[in-house]
PDB file of N, CA and C in Angstrom:
ATOM      1  N   MET A   1      15.066 -88.100   0.268  1.00  0.00           N
ATOM      2  CA  MET A   1      13.793 -87.937  -0.367  1.00  0.00           C
ATOM      3  C   MET A   1      13.835 -86.530  -0.978  1.00  0.00           C
ATOM      4  N   VAL A   2      13.455 -86.442  -2.221  1.00  0.00           N
ATOM      5  CA  VAL A   2      13.418 -85.183  -2.947  1.00  0.00           C
ATOM      6  C   VAL A   2      12.054 -85.003  -3.551  1.00  0.00           C
ATOM      7  N   GLY A   3      11.419 -83.867  -3.294  1.00  0.00           N
ATOM      8  CA  GLY A   3      10.120 -83.593  -3.849  1.00  0.00           C
ATOM      9  C   GLY A   3      10.186 -82.637  -5.038  1.00  0.00           C
ATOM     10  N   ASP A   4       9.118 -82.575  -5.806  1.00  0.00           N
ATOM     11  CA  ASP A   4       9.016 -81.679  -6.956  1.00  0.00           C
ATOM     12  C   ASP A   4       8.678 -80.256  -6.537  1.00  0.00           C
ATOM     13  N   ALA A   5       8.116 -80.069  -5.417  1.00  0.00           N
ATOM     14  CA  ALA A   5       7.634 -78.741  -4.961  1.00  0.00           C
ATOM     15  C   ALA A   5       8.752 -78.007  -4.255  1.00  0.00           C
ATOM     16  N   ALA A   6       8.854 -76.687  -4.553  1.00  0.00           N
ATOM     17  CA  ALA A   6       9.854 -75.887  -3.877  1.00  0.00           C
ATOM     18  C   ALA A   6       9.277 -75.251  -2.637  1.00  0.00           C
ATOM     19  N   LEU A   7      10.081 -74.976  -1.624  1.00  0.00           N
ATOM     20  CA  LEU A   7       9.589 -74.220  -0.476  1.00  0.00           C
ATOM     21  C   LEU A   7       9.343 -72.812  -0.888  1.00  0.00           C
ATOM     22  N   ARG A   8       8.221 -72.300  -0.485  1.00  0.00           N
ATOM     23  CA  ARG A   8       7.882 -70.860  -0.801  1.00  0.00           C
ATOM     24  C   ARG A   8       8.572 -69.955   0.234  1.00  0.00           C
ATOM     25  N   ALA A   9       8.690 -68.705  -0.115  1.00  0.00           N
ATOM     26  CA  ALA A   9       9.239 -67.730   0.847  1.00  0.00           C
ATOM     27  C   ALA A   9       8.218 -67.538   1.958  1.00  0.00           C
ATOM     28  N   GLY A  10       8.688 -67.330   3.117  1.00  0.00           N
ATOM     29  CA  GLY A  10       7.799 -67.112   4.262  1.00  0.00           C
ATOM     30  C   GLY A  10       7.681 -68.387   5.115  1.00  0.00           C
ATOM     31  N   ASP A  11       6.819 -68.320   6.071  1.00  0.00           N
ATOM     32  CA  ASP A  11       6.598 -69.448   6.967  1.00  0.00           C
ATOM     33  C   ASP A  11       5.966 -70.647   6.277  1.00  0.00           C
ATOM     34  N   CYS A  12       6.429 -71.796   6.565  1.00  0.00           N
ATOM     35  CA  CYS A  12       5.752 -73.023   6.055  1.00  0.00           C
ATOM     36  C   CYS A  12       6.037 -74.154   7.054  1.00  0.00           C
ATOM     37  N   VAL A  13       5.287 -75.181   6.944  1.00  0.00           N
ATOM     38  CA  VAL A  13       5.418 -76.367   7.805  1.00  0.00           C
ATOM     39  C   VAL A  13       5.939 -77.507   6.900  1.00  0.00           C
ATOM     40  N   VAL A  14       7.076 -78.070   7.334  1.00  0.00           N
ATOM     41  CA  VAL A  14       7.650 -79.186   6.607  1.00  0.00           C
ATOM     42  C   VAL A  14       7.571 -80.433   7.570  1.00  0.00           C
ATOM     43  N   GLY A  15       7.075 -81.520   7.048  1.00  0.00           N
ATOM     44  CA  GLY A  15       6.980 -82.689   7.901  1.00  0.00           C
ATOM     45  C   GLY A  15       7.330 -83.943   7.184  1.00  0.00           C
ATOM     46  N   VAL A  16       7.626 -84.946   7.964  1.00  0.00           N
ATOM     47  CA  VAL A  16       7.974 -86.318   7.438  1.00  0.00           C
ATOM     48  C   VAL A  16       7.184 -87.305   8.278  1.00  0.00           C
ATOM     49  N   GLU A  17       6.514 -88.215   7.576  1.00  0.00           N
ATOM     50  CA  GLU A  17       5.783 -89.311   8.264  1.00  0.00           C
ATOM     51  C   GLU A  17       6.403 -90.617   7.831  1.00  0.00           C
ATOM     52  N   PHE A  18       6.667 -91.473   8.781  1.00  0.00           N
ATOM     53  CA  PHE A  18       7.137 -92.848   8.508  1.00  0.00           C
ATOM     54  C   PHE A  18       6.115 -93.804   9.054  1.00  0.00           C
ATOM     55  N   VAL A  19       5.591 -94.644   8.155  1.00  0.00           N
ATOM     56  CA  VAL A  19       4.578 -95.664   8.556  1.00  0.00           C
ATOM     57  C   VAL A  19       5.245 -97.035   8.371  1.00  0.00           C
ATOM     58  N   LYS A  20       5.500 -97.673   9.530  1.00  0.00           N
ATOM     59  CA  LYS A  20       6.143 -98.995   9.557  1.00  0.00           C
ATOM     60  C   LYS A  20       5.228-100.068   8.996  1.00  0.00           C
ATOM     61  N   ASP A  21       5.782-100.833   8.035  1.00  0.00           N
ATOM     62  CA  ASP A  21       5.029-101.961   7.480  1.00  0.00           C
ATOM     63  C   ASP A  21       5.468-103.298   8.180  1.00  0.00           C
ATOM     64  N   ARG A  22       6.788-103.359   8.415  1.00  0.00           N
ATOM     65  CA  ARG A  22       7.308-104.656   9.026  1.00  0.00           C
ATOM     66  C   ARG A  22       8.647-104.413   9.625  1.00  0.00           C
ATOM     67  N   LEU A  23       9.049-105.367  10.456  1.00  0.00           N
ATOM     68  CA  LEU A  23      10.347-105.409  11.111  1.00  0.00           C
ATOM     69  C   LEU A  23      11.158-106.578  10.492  1.00  0.00           C
ATOM     70  N   VAL A  24      12.469-106.361  10.346  1.00  0.00           N
ATOM     71  CA  VAL A  24      13.340-107.397   9.794  1.00  0.00           C
ATOM     72  C   VAL A  24      14.617-107.492  10.590  1.00  0.00           C
ATOM     73  N   GLN A  25      15.274-108.603  10.509  1.00  0.00           N
ATOM     74  CA  GLN A  25      16.581-108.762  11.109  1.00  0.00           C
ATOM     75  C   GLN A  25      17.677-108.636  10.066  1.00  0.00           C
ATOM     76  N   ILE A  26      18.708-107.805  10.364  1.00  0.00           N
ATOM     77  CA  ILE A  26      19.796-107.593   9.458  1.00  0.00           C
ATOM     78  C   ILE A  26      21.086-107.753  10.226  1.00  0.00           C
ATOM     79  N   GLY A  27      22.149-107.923   9.528  1.00  0.00           N
ATOM     80  CA  GLY A  27      23.509-107.922  10.131  1.00  0.00           C
ATOM     81  C   GLY A  27      23.765-109.052  11.134  1.00  0.00           C
ATOM     82  N   GLY A  28      23.069-110.150  11.009  1.00  0.00           N
ATOM     83  CA  GLY A  28      23.294-111.251  11.912  1.00  0.00           C
ATOM     84  C   GLY A  28      22.637-111.116  13.270  1.00  0.00           C
ATOM     85  N   SER A  29      21.758-110.116  13.435  1.00  0.00           N
ATOM     86  CA  SER A  29      21.083-109.874  14.670  1.00  0.00           C
ATOM     87  C   SER A  29      20.085-111.054  14.995  1.00  0.00           C
ATOM     88  N   SER A  30      19.983-111.339  16.225  1.00  0.00           N
ATOM     89  CA  SER A  30      19.021-112.382  16.643  1.00  0.00           C
ATOM     90  C   SER A  30      17.608-111.868  16.846  1.00  0.00           C
ATOM     91  N   VAL A  31      17.457-110.547  16.775  1.00  0.00           N
ATOM     92  CA  VAL A  31      16.134-109.948  16.931  1.00  0.00           C
ATOM     93  C   VAL A  31      15.931-108.935  15.790  1.00  0.00           C
ATOM     94  N   ALA A  32      14.690-108.567  15.568  1.00  0.00           N
ATOM     95  CA  ALA A  32      14.377-107.556  14.508  1.00  0.00           C
ATOM     96  C   ALA A  32      15.048-106.247  14.930  1.00  0.00           C
ATOM     97  N   ASN A  33      15.827-105.686  13.987  1.00  0.00           N
ATOM     98  CA  ASN A  33      16.558-104.470  14.294  1.00  0.00           C
ATOM     99  C   ASN A  33      16.446-103.431  13.160  1.00  0.00           C
ATOM    100  N   GLN A  34      15.499-103.587  12.287  1.00  0.00           N
ATOM    101  CA  GLN A  34      15.300-102.580  11.259  1.00  0.00           C
ATOM    102  C   GLN A  34      13.795-102.582  10.875  1.00  0.00           C
ATOM    103  N   ALA A  35      13.277-101.356  10.688  1.00  0.00           N
ATOM    104  CA  ALA A  35      11.895-101.199  10.321  1.00  0.00           C
ATOM    105  C   ALA A  35      11.867-100.835   8.800  1.00  0.00           C
ATOM    106  N   ILE A  36      10.925-101.408   8.081  1.00  0.00           N
ATOM    107  CA  ILE A  36      10.721-101.070   6.696  1.00  0.00           C
ATOM    108  C   ILE A  36       9.312-100.545   6.547  1.00  0.00           C
ATOM    109  N   GLY A  37       9.226 -99.426   5.812  1.00  0.00           N
ATOM    110  CA  GLY A  37       7.892 -98.840   5.632  1.00  0.00           C
ATOM    111  C   GLY A  37       7.839 -97.756   4.593  1.00  0.00           C
ATOM    112  N   ARG A  38       6.844 -96.932   4.648  1.00  0.00           N
ATOM    113  CA  ARG A  38       6.664 -95.834   3.660  1.00  0.00           C
ATOM    114  C   ARG A  38       6.897 -94.504   4.350  1.00  0.00           C
ATOM    115  N   ALA A  39       7.720 -93.642   3.712  1.00  0.00           N
ATOM    116  CA  ALA A  39       7.957 -92.306   4.248  1.00  0.00           C
ATOM    117  C   ALA A  39       7.350 -91.314   3.291  1.00  0.00           C
ATOM    118  N   SER A  40       6.721 -90.292   3.880  1.00  0.00           N
ATOM    119  CA  SER A  40       6.104 -89.235   3.065  1.00  0.00           C
ATOM    120  C   SER A  40       6.666 -87.887   3.519  1.00  0.00           C
ATOM    121  N   LEU A  41       6.992 -87.014   2.588  1.00  0.00           N
ATOM    122  CA  LEU A  41       7.423 -85.638   2.842  1.00  0.00           C
ATOM    123  C   LEU A  41       6.332 -84.687   2.613  1.00  0.00           C
ATOM    124  N   TYR A  42       6.005 -83.842   3.564  1.00  0.00           N
ATOM    125  CA  TYR A  42       4.932 -82.877   3.465  1.00  0.00           C
ATOM    126  C   TYR A  42       5.428 -81.435   3.479  1.00  0.00           C
ATOM    127  N   ILE A  43       4.827 -80.603   2.681  1.00  0.00           N
ATOM    128  CA  ILE A  43       4.988 -79.132   2.792  1.00  0.00           C
ATOM    129  C   ILE A  43       3.636 -78.550   2.933  1.00  0.00           C
ATOM    130  N   ASP A  44       3.370 -77.873   4.091  1.00  0.00           N
ATOM    131  CA  ASP A  44       2.070 -77.262   4.422  1.00  0.00           C
ATOM    132  C   ASP A  44       0.926 -78.286   4.180  1.00  0.00           C
ATOM    133  N   GLY A  45       1.144 -79.489   4.646  1.00  0.00           N
ATOM    134  CA  GLY A  45       0.091 -80.496   4.640  1.00  0.00           C
ATOM    135  C   GLY A  45      -0.071 -81.305   3.363  1.00  0.00           C
ATOM    136  N   GLU A  46       0.662 -80.916   2.318  1.00  0.00           N
ATOM    137  CA  GLU A  46       0.573 -81.598   1.002  1.00  0.00           C
ATOM    138  C   GLU A  46       1.731 -82.549   0.804  1.00  0.00           C
ATOM    139  N   VAL A  47       1.440 -83.796   0.404  1.00  0.00           N
ATOM    140  CA  VAL A  47       2.539 -84.734   0.128  1.00  0.00           C
ATOM    141  C   VAL A  47       3.318 -84.296  -1.112  1.00  0.00           C
ATOM    142  N   VAL A  48       4.603 -84.121  -1.002  1.00  0.00           N
ATOM    143  CA  VAL A  48       5.392 -83.668  -2.155  1.00  0.00           C
ATOM    144  C   VAL A  48       6.406 -84.782  -2.593  1.00  0.00           C
ATOM    145  N   ALA A  49       6.599 -85.838  -1.759  1.00  0.00           N
ATOM    146  CA  ALA A  49       7.458 -86.925  -2.173  1.00  0.00           C
ATOM    147  C   ALA A  49       7.154 -88.127  -1.282  1.00  0.00           C
ATOM    148  N   GLU A  50       7.379 -89.329  -1.738  1.00  0.00           N
ATOM    149  CA  GLU A  50       7.223 -90.563  -0.980  1.00  0.00           C
ATOM    150  C   GLU A  50       8.287 -91.522  -1.368  1.00  0.00           C
ATOM    151  N   ILE A  51       8.592 -92.344  -0.396  1.00  0.00           N
ATOM    152  CA  ILE A  51       9.518 -93.470  -0.585  1.00  0.00           C
ATOM    153  C   ILE A  51       8.854 -94.702   0.012  1.00  0.00           C
ATOM    154  N   SER A  52       8.677 -95.712  -0.857  1.00  0.00           N
ATOM    155  CA  SER A  52       8.142 -96.997  -0.255  1.00  0.00           C
ATOM    156  C   SER A  52       9.394 -97.849   0.021  1.00  0.00           C
ATOM    157  N   GLU A  53       9.239 -98.773   0.885  1.00  0.00           N
ATOM    158  CA  GLU A  53      10.337 -99.678   1.254  1.00  0.00           C
ATOM    159  C   GLU A  53      11.540 -98.935   1.843  1.00  0.00           C
ATOM    160  N   MET A  54      11.235 -97.817   2.571  1.00  0.00           N
ATOM    161  CA  MET A  54      12.264 -97.108   3.260  1.00  0.00           C
ATOM    162  C   MET A  54      12.712 -97.906   4.497  1.00  0.00           C
ATOM    163  N   ARG A  55      14.029 -97.879   4.770  1.00  0.00           N
ATOM    164  CA  ARG A  55      14.549 -98.654   5.917  1.00  0.00           C
ATOM    165  C   ARG A  55      14.923 -97.636   6.995  1.00  0.00           C
ATOM    166  N   ALA A  56      14.600 -97.970   8.225  1.00  0.00           N
ATOM    167  CA  ALA A  56      14.903 -97.129   9.382  1.00  0.00           C
ATOM    168  C   ALA A  56      15.457 -97.955  10.455  1.00  0.00           C
ATOM    169  N   GLN A  57      16.495 -97.383  11.127  1.00  0.00           N
ATOM    170  CA  GLN A  57      17.118 -98.118  12.290  1.00  0.00           C
ATOM    171  C   GLN A  57      16.158 -98.105  13.456  1.00  0.00           C
ATOM    172  N   ILE A  58      16.278 -99.080  14.266  1.00  0.00           N
ATOM    173  CA  ILE A  58      15.536 -99.159  15.546  1.00  0.00           C
ATOM    174  C   ILE A  58      16.532 -98.909  16.673  1.00  0.00           C
ATOM    175  N   GLY A  59      16.272 -97.915  17.460  1.00  0.00           N
ATOM    176  CA  GLY A  59      17.179 -97.597  18.553  1.00  0.00           C
ATOM    177  C   GLY A  59      18.170 -96.553  18.167  1.00  0.00           C
ATOM    178  N   LYS A  60      19.091 -96.169  19.077  1.00  0.00           N
ATOM    179  CA  LYS A  60      20.136 -95.219  18.781  1.00  0.00           C
ATOM    180  C   LYS A  60      21.476 -95.781  19.156  1.00  0.00           C
ATOM    181  N   PHE A  61      22.509 -95.267  18.612  1.00  0.00           N
ATOM    182  CA  PHE A  61      23.798 -95.872  18.709  1.00  0.00           C
ATOM    183  C   PHE A  61      24.894 -94.999  19.335  1.00  0.00           C
ATOM    184  N   ALA A  62      24.499 -93.979  20.062  1.00  0.00           N
ATOM    185  CA  ALA A  62      25.459 -93.100  20.693  1.00  0.00           C
ATOM    186  C   ALA A  62      25.044 -92.793  22.091  1.00  0.00           C
ATOM    187  N   LEU A  63      25.961 -92.615  22.997  1.00  0.00           N
ATOM    188  CA  LEU A  63      25.647 -92.265  24.341  1.00  0.00           C
ATOM    189  C   LEU A  63      25.263 -90.794  24.498  1.00  0.00           C
ATOM    190  N   THR A  64      25.918 -89.931  23.702  1.00  0.00           N
ATOM    191  CA  THR A  64      25.674 -88.519  23.750  1.00  0.00           C
ATOM    192  C   THR A  64      25.829 -87.870  22.344  1.00  0.00           C
ATOM    193  N   GLY A  65      25.125 -86.788  22.099  1.00  0.00           N
ATOM    194  CA  GLY A  65      25.418 -85.948  20.963  1.00  0.00           C
ATOM    195  C   GLY A  65      24.869 -86.411  19.591  1.00  0.00           C
ATOM    196  N   GLU A  66      24.520 -87.622  19.385  1.00  0.00           N
ATOM    197  CA  GLU A  66      24.103 -88.096  18.065  1.00  0.00           C
ATOM    198  C   GLU A  66      22.716 -88.688  18.056  1.00  0.00           C
ATOM    199  N   GLY A  67      21.902 -88.426  19.056  1.00  0.00           N
ATOM    200  CA  GLY A  67      20.586 -88.984  19.117  1.00  0.00           C
ATOM    201  C   GLY A  67      19.689 -88.469  18.016  1.00  0.00           C
ATOM    202  N   LEU A  68      19.338 -87.197  18.088  1.00  0.00           N
ATOM    203  CA  LEU A  68      18.467 -86.564  17.133  1.00  0.00           C
ATOM    204  C   LEU A  68      19.105 -85.222  16.717  1.00  0.00           C
ATOM    205  N   ASN A  69      19.395 -85.049  15.451  1.00  0.00           N
ATOM    206  CA  ASN A  69      19.986 -83.825  14.954  1.00  0.00           C
ATOM    207  C   ASN A  69      18.992 -83.072  14.166  1.00  0.00           C
ATOM    208  N   VAL A  70      18.967 -81.761  14.410  1.00  0.00           N
ATOM    209  CA  VAL A  70      18.036 -80.871  13.612  1.00  0.00           C
ATOM    210  C   VAL A  70      18.861 -79.632  13.213  1.00  0.00           C
ATOM    211  N   GLY A  71      18.990 -79.393  11.925  1.00  0.00           N
ATOM    212  CA  GLY A  71      19.676 -78.166  11.508  1.00  0.00           C
ATOM    213  C   GLY A  71      21.186 -78.308  11.307  1.00  0.00           C
ATOM    214  N   ARG A  72      21.714 -79.477  11.668  1.00  0.00           N
ATOM    215  CA  ARG A  72      23.130 -79.759  11.515  1.00  0.00           C
ATOM    216  C   ARG A  72      23.445 -81.201  11.811  1.00  0.00           C
ATOM    217  N   ASP A  73      24.535 -81.717  11.314  1.00  0.00           N
ATOM    218  CA  ASP A  73      24.980 -82.987  11.643  1.00  0.00           C
ATOM    219  C   ASP A  73      26.520 -82.955  11.755  1.00  0.00           C
ATOM    220  N   GLY A  74      27.038 -83.200  12.850  1.00  0.00           N
ATOM    221  CA  GLY A  74      28.491 -83.019  13.094  1.00  0.00           C
ATOM    222  C   GLY A  74      29.331 -84.224  12.712  1.00  0.00           C
ATOM    223  N   SER A  75      28.702 -85.363  12.419  1.00  0.00           N
ATOM    224  CA  SER A  75      29.539 -86.562  12.140  1.00  0.00           C
ATOM    225  C   SER A  75      29.567 -87.017  10.692  1.00  0.00           C
ATOM    226  N   ALA A  76      28.478 -86.729   9.957  1.00  0.00           N
ATOM    227  CA  ALA A  76      28.498 -87.146   8.567  1.00  0.00           C
ATOM    228  C   ALA A  76      27.378 -86.371   7.814  1.00  0.00           C
ATOM    229  N   PRO A  77      27.550 -86.129   6.492  1.00  0.00           N
ATOM    230  CA  PRO A  77      26.430 -85.508   5.752  1.00  0.00           C
ATOM    231  C   PRO A  77      25.267 -86.439   5.715  1.00  0.00           C
ATOM    232  N   VAL A  78      24.075 -85.852   5.626  1.00  0.00           N
ATOM    233  CA  VAL A  78      22.855 -86.625   5.543  1.00  0.00           C
ATOM    234  C   VAL A  78      22.804 -87.450   4.261  1.00  0.00           C
ATOM    235  N   THR A  79      23.258 -86.877   3.147  1.00  0.00           N
ATOM    236  CA  THR A  79      23.335 -87.584   1.899  1.00  0.00           C
ATOM    237  C   THR A  79      24.673 -87.302   1.259  1.00  0.00           C
ATOM    238  N   ASP A  80      25.057 -88.065   0.246  1.00  0.00           N
ATOM    239  CA  ASP A  80      26.365 -87.921  -0.406  1.00  0.00           C
ATOM    240  C   ASP A  80      26.413 -86.560  -1.190  1.00  0.00           C
ATOM    241  N   ASP A  81      25.280 -85.936  -1.519  1.00  0.00           N
ATOM    242  CA  ASP A  81      25.327 -84.706  -2.258  1.00  0.00           C
ATOM    243  C   ASP A  81      25.208 -83.447  -1.383  1.00  0.00           C
ATOM    244  N   ASP A  82      25.296 -83.592  -0.059  1.00  0.00           N
ATOM    245  CA  ASP A  82      25.283 -82.394   0.854  1.00  0.00           C
ATOM    246  C   ASP A  82      26.577 -81.633   0.560  1.00  0.00           C
ATOM    247  N   PRO A  83      26.440 -80.319   0.301  1.00  0.00           N
ATOM    248  CA  PRO A  83      27.608 -79.508   0.023  1.00  0.00           C
ATOM    249  C   PRO A  83      28.323 -79.107   1.333  1.00  0.00           C
ATOM    250  N   GLY A  84      29.513 -78.611   1.229  1.00  0.00           N
ATOM    251  CA  GLY A  84      30.223 -78.094   2.401  1.00  0.00           C
ATOM    252  C   GLY A  84      30.930 -79.151   3.192  1.00  0.00           C
ATOM    253  N   SER A  85      31.259 -78.766   4.381  1.00  0.00           N
ATOM    254  CA  SER A  85      31.978 -79.694   5.250  1.00  0.00           C
ATOM    255  C   SER A  85      31.355 -79.654   6.643  1.00  0.00           C
ATOM    256  N   MET A  86      31.931 -80.509   7.514  1.00  0.00           N
ATOM    257  CA  MET A  86      31.407 -80.651   8.892  1.00  0.00           C
ATOM    258  C   MET A  86      31.205 -79.265   9.518  1.00  0.00           C
ATOM    259  N   PRO A  87      30.145 -78.979  10.195  1.00  0.00           N
ATOM    260  CA  PRO A  87      29.080 -79.870  10.659  1.00  0.00           C
ATOM    261  C   PRO A  87      27.853 -79.894   9.771  1.00  0.00           C
ATOM    262  N   TRP A  88      27.911 -79.606   8.459  1.00  0.00           N
ATOM    263  CA  TRP A  88      26.839 -79.695   7.588  1.00  0.00           C
ATOM    264  C   TRP A  88      25.565 -79.012   8.141  1.00  0.00           C
ATOM    265  N   ARG A  89      25.600 -77.695   8.231  1.00  0.00           N
ATOM    266  CA  ARG A  89      24.545 -76.921   8.756  1.00  0.00           C
ATOM    267  C   ARG A  89      23.442 -76.609   7.701  1.00  0.00           C
ATOM    268  N   PHE A  90      22.196 -76.527   8.196  1.00  0.00           N
ATOM    269  CA  PHE A  90      21.084 -76.055   7.401  1.00  0.00           C
ATOM    270  C   PHE A  90      21.268 -74.609   7.073  1.00  0.00           C
ATOM    271  N   THR A  91      21.042 -74.279   5.818  1.00  0.00           N
ATOM    272  CA  THR A  91      21.211 -72.880   5.391  1.00  0.00           C
ATOM    273  C   THR A  91      19.981 -72.509   4.578  1.00  0.00           C
ATOM    274  N   GLY A  92      19.752 -71.214   4.410  1.00  0.00           N
ATOM    275  CA  GLY A  92      18.630 -70.747   3.522  1.00  0.00           C
ATOM    276  C   GLY A  92      17.388 -70.444   4.284  1.00  0.00           C
ATOM    277  N   GLY A  93      17.379 -70.445   5.543  1.00  0.00           N
ATOM    278  CA  GLY A  93      16.181 -70.140   6.340  1.00  0.00           C
ATOM    279  C   GLY A  93      16.401 -70.345   7.794  1.00  0.00           C
ATOM    280  N   ASP A  94      15.341 -70.272   8.553  1.00  0.00           N
ATOM    281  CA  ASP A  94      15.381 -70.474   9.992  1.00  0.00           C
ATOM    282  C   ASP A  94      14.424 -71.608  10.392  1.00  0.00           C
ATOM    283  N   ILE A  95      14.832 -72.415  11.303  1.00  0.00           N
ATOM    284  CA  ILE A  95      14.025 -73.494  11.823  1.00  0.00           C
ATOM    285  C   ILE A  95      13.449 -72.912  13.136  1.00  0.00           C
ATOM    286  N   ALA A  96      12.102 -72.596  13.109  1.00  0.00           N
ATOM    287  CA  ALA A  96      11.473 -71.999  14.271  1.00  0.00           C
ATOM    288  C   ALA A  96      11.137 -72.993  15.385  1.00  0.00           C
ATOM    289  N   ARG A  97      10.706 -74.158  14.974  1.00  0.00           N
ATOM    290  CA  ARG A  97      10.258 -75.151  15.998  1.00  0.00           C
ATOM    291  C   ARG A  97      10.358 -76.504  15.386  1.00  0.00           C
ATOM    292  N   VAL A  98      10.657 -77.515  16.170  1.00  0.00           N
ATOM    293  CA  VAL A  98      10.696 -78.899  15.776  1.00  0.00           C
ATOM    294  C   VAL A  98       9.831 -79.699  16.747  1.00  0.00           C
ATOM    295  N   ILE A  99       8.956 -80.529  16.188  1.00  0.00           N
ATOM    296  CA  ILE A  99       8.117 -81.361  16.990  1.00  0.00           C
ATOM    297  C   ILE A  99       8.372 -82.811  16.519  1.00  0.00           C
ATOM    298  N   VAL A 100       8.686 -83.708  17.484  1.00  0.00           N
ATOM    299  CA  VAL A 100       8.800 -85.112  17.174  1.00  0.00           C
ATOM    300  C   VAL A 100       7.729 -85.877  17.879  1.00  0.00           C
ATOM    301  N   ASP A 101       6.910 -86.553  17.123  1.00  0.00           N
ATOM    302  CA  ASP A 101       5.774 -87.284  17.679  1.00  0.00           C
ATOM    303  C   ASP A 101       5.900 -88.772  17.380  1.00  0.00           C
ATOM    304  N   VAL A 102       6.130 -89.540  18.365  1.00  0.00           N
ATOM    305  CA  VAL A 102       6.253 -91.036  18.217  1.00  0.00           C
ATOM    306  C   VAL A 102       5.072 -91.780  18.782  1.00  0.00           C
ATOM    307  N   SER A 103       3.925 -91.055  19.077  1.00  0.00           N
ATOM    308  CA  SER A 103       2.822 -91.647  19.698  1.00  0.00           C
ATOM    309  C   SER A 103       2.049 -92.708  18.798  1.00  0.00           C
ATOM    310  N   GLY A 104       2.230 -92.515  17.460  1.00  0.00           N
ATOM    311  CA  GLY A 104       1.490 -93.406  16.578  1.00  0.00           C
ATOM    312  C   GLY A 104       0.114 -92.826  16.209  1.00  0.00           C
ATOM    313  N   ASP A 105      -0.298 -91.698  16.839  1.00  0.00           N
ATOM    314  CA  ASP A 105      -1.528 -91.084  16.513  1.00  0.00           C
ATOM    315  C   ASP A 105      -1.351 -90.239  15.230  1.00  0.00           C
ATOM    316  N   PRO A 106      -2.411 -90.183  14.383  1.00  0.00           N
ATOM    317  CA  PRO A 106      -2.254 -89.367  13.183  1.00  0.00           C
ATOM    318  C   PRO A 106      -2.098 -87.884  13.562  1.00  0.00           C
ATOM    319  N   TYR A 107      -1.321 -87.161  12.739  1.00  0.00           N
ATOM    320  CA  TYR A 107      -1.096 -85.720  12.962  1.00  0.00           C
ATOM    321  C   TYR A 107      -2.385 -84.964  12.556  1.00  0.00           C
ATOM    322  N   VAL A 108      -2.766 -84.069  13.464  1.00  0.00           N
ATOM    323  CA  VAL A 108      -3.909 -83.210  13.236  1.00  0.00           C
ATOM    324  C   VAL A 108      -3.442 -81.754  13.364  1.00  0.00           C
ATOM    325  N   ASP A 109      -3.673 -80.934  12.380  1.00  0.00           N
ATOM    326  CA  ASP A 109      -3.342 -79.517  12.357  1.00  0.00           C
ATOM    327  C   ASP A 109      -4.515 -78.763  12.902  1.00  0.00           C
ATOM    328  N   PHE A 110      -4.524 -78.504  14.254  1.00  0.00           N
ATOM    329  CA  PHE A 110      -5.606 -77.879  14.923  1.00  0.00           C
ATOM    330  C   PHE A 110      -5.849 -76.462  14.422  1.00  0.00           C
ATOM    331  N   GLU A 111      -4.774 -75.716  14.119  1.00  0.00           N
ATOM    332  CA  GLU A 111      -4.877 -74.372  13.616  1.00  0.00           C
ATOM    333  C   GLU A 111      -5.653 -74.358  12.273  1.00  0.00           C
ATOM    334  N   LEU A 112      -5.275 -75.295  11.407  1.00  0.00           N
ATOM    335  CA  LEU A 112      -5.966 -75.372  10.119  1.00  0.00           C
ATOM    336  C   LEU A 112      -7.433 -75.773  10.271  1.00  0.00           C
ATOM    337  N   GLU A 113      -7.682 -76.714  11.201  1.00  0.00           N
ATOM    338  CA  GLU A 113      -9.108 -77.106  11.425  1.00  0.00           C
ATOM    339  C   GLU A 113      -9.903 -75.946  12.019  1.00  0.00           C
ATOM    340  N   ALA A 114      -9.301 -75.161  12.948  1.00  0.00           N
ATOM    341  CA  ALA A 114     -10.028 -74.011  13.544  1.00  0.00           C
ATOM    342  C   ALA A 114     -10.297 -72.950  12.437  1.00  0.00           C
ATOM    343  N   ALA A 115      -9.361 -72.715  11.574  1.00  0.00           N
ATOM    344  CA  ALA A 115      -9.563 -71.728  10.523  1.00  0.00           C
ATOM    345  C   ALA A 115     -10.683 -72.194   9.540  1.00  0.00           C
ATOM    346  N   ALA A 116     -10.743 -73.467   9.293  1.00  0.00           N
ATOM    347  CA  ALA A 116     -11.814 -74.031   8.406  1.00  0.00           C
ATOM    348  C   ALA A 116     -13.157 -73.899   9.122  1.00  0.00           C
ATOM    349  N   MET A 117     -13.221 -74.115  10.429  1.00  0.00           N
ATOM    350  CA  MET A 117     -14.473 -73.945  11.165  1.00  0.00           C
ATOM    351  C   MET A 117     -14.940 -72.516  11.119  1.00  0.00           C
ATOM    352  N   MET A 118     -14.011 -71.573  11.259  1.00  0.00           N
ATOM    353  CA  MET A 118     -14.354 -70.190  11.284  1.00  0.00           C
ATOM    354  C   MET A 118     -14.904 -69.705   9.902  1.00  0.00           C
ATOM    355  N   LYS A 119     -14.410 -70.320   8.850  1.00  0.00           N
ATOM    356  CA  LYS A 119     -14.874 -69.988   7.503  1.00  0.00           C
ATOM    357  C   LYS A 119     -16.340 -70.467   7.288  1.00  0.00           C
ATOM    358  N   ARG A 120     -16.650 -71.598   7.960  1.00  0.00           N
ATOM    359  CA  ARG A 120     -18.021 -72.176   7.819  1.00  0.00           C
ATOM    360  C   ARG A 120     -19.095 -71.349   8.550  1.00  0.00           C
ATOM    361  N   GLU A 121     -18.648 -70.638   9.626  1.00  0.00           N
ATOM    362  CA  GLU A 121     -19.584 -69.971  10.444  1.00  0.00           C
ATOM    363  C   GLU A 121     -20.121 -68.713   9.827  1.00  0.00           C
TER     364      GLU A 121
END
């Protein structure tokens, strides 16, 4: 997913949301094993790119080391245009914190809401 907006210098919040529309069976599976839905890329709360009909795997396929990668991938580039070689590390900044939320509840930026409340007072 590629957005039109560039990351600005300094701290920012980058997020991805995947909203599942349906489950399908692929590869001869007897059960649904792929989710299809809409993915949105956010920078500081603003949508900068979207993909409809995005396909996502259900489950994970490794016993160790390949569950969730952040900042690097040791087995394969994320896309065919990733430069460099293994382990394809993130460059150009620092990743301060990663939060993965699979609760299904909508994301709420409490800091932003508190700042807005303080401006109203």
